[in-house]
Amino acid sequence: MKKLFIIGSGGFSKQVIEMVERINEQEETYAFQGLIDDNHSLLGKRVLGYTVVGSTKYLSRLSEEDDIHAIIAIADGTYREDICNKLPKVNWVNLIHPEATLSKYASLGEGIVIGARVIINPDCVIGDQCHINIGSTLGHDVTLSEFVTVMPGVNLSGNVMVGKNSMIGTGASIIQGKTIQDNAVIGAGAVVVWNVEENGVYAGVPAKRIRDSSIVDLGDKL
């Protein structure tokens, strides 16, 4: 089995832990080693019975000596990118919930989390370190660049393209063929009917730019 660490010990780590357990119920795949968090005050914290065992520096040292696998359970794509840069020798796994539907014609990078009841259709391209949360739907030919976060209940129609480090909020919809710029935030429940050509926060129906973006403001870092 693969020695697996989960990076992050906040709320989303609970979903990822349970996903690992569900995957192992179907086939023993991962030997879960514990949680990683750079907040040193959380060392020893327990999440669903599992322990925070160290920081990314600790994991980096382990990866120099052993075949280590990991997944990042942090919603903010900019944090995921920073962590990846710190851990060049870690093997990033893809976690796909057993209740997700993934086309055999879709293409996946590495370090991807796909939640329960997600539907990914043919010729979708999912970049490294993307998170696609519970109940979201990707139509045919959707492209997610690296470090994109798709919150629960999102609907992306066919041929949508989402740029690097963008976040699509809970229940948002993007109509077919639209492009979302890098580092954009689409607010919860927004409906995107035009291309998003400038980064920033977009909200409403139809979605309009309301301010400069700060994914940290809207995303749970852990």
Foldseek 3Di string as FASTA:
>chain_A
DAEEEEEDDDDLVLQVVVLQVQVVVVPNDYDYDAYAYPPVVQAQPADPRGGHHYYLVVVQVVLVPDQHEYAYRFQFLVVVVVSCVSRVRHFFAEGARPQEAADPQEAEDGREYHEHLEYEDHQEYEEYNEYAYANEYAEYNEYEYHSEYEYPQEYEYAQEYEAAREYEEANEYEDYNEYEYHQAYEYHNEYDDHHHPDHAYWYDDPTDHDGRDDVVVVTGRD
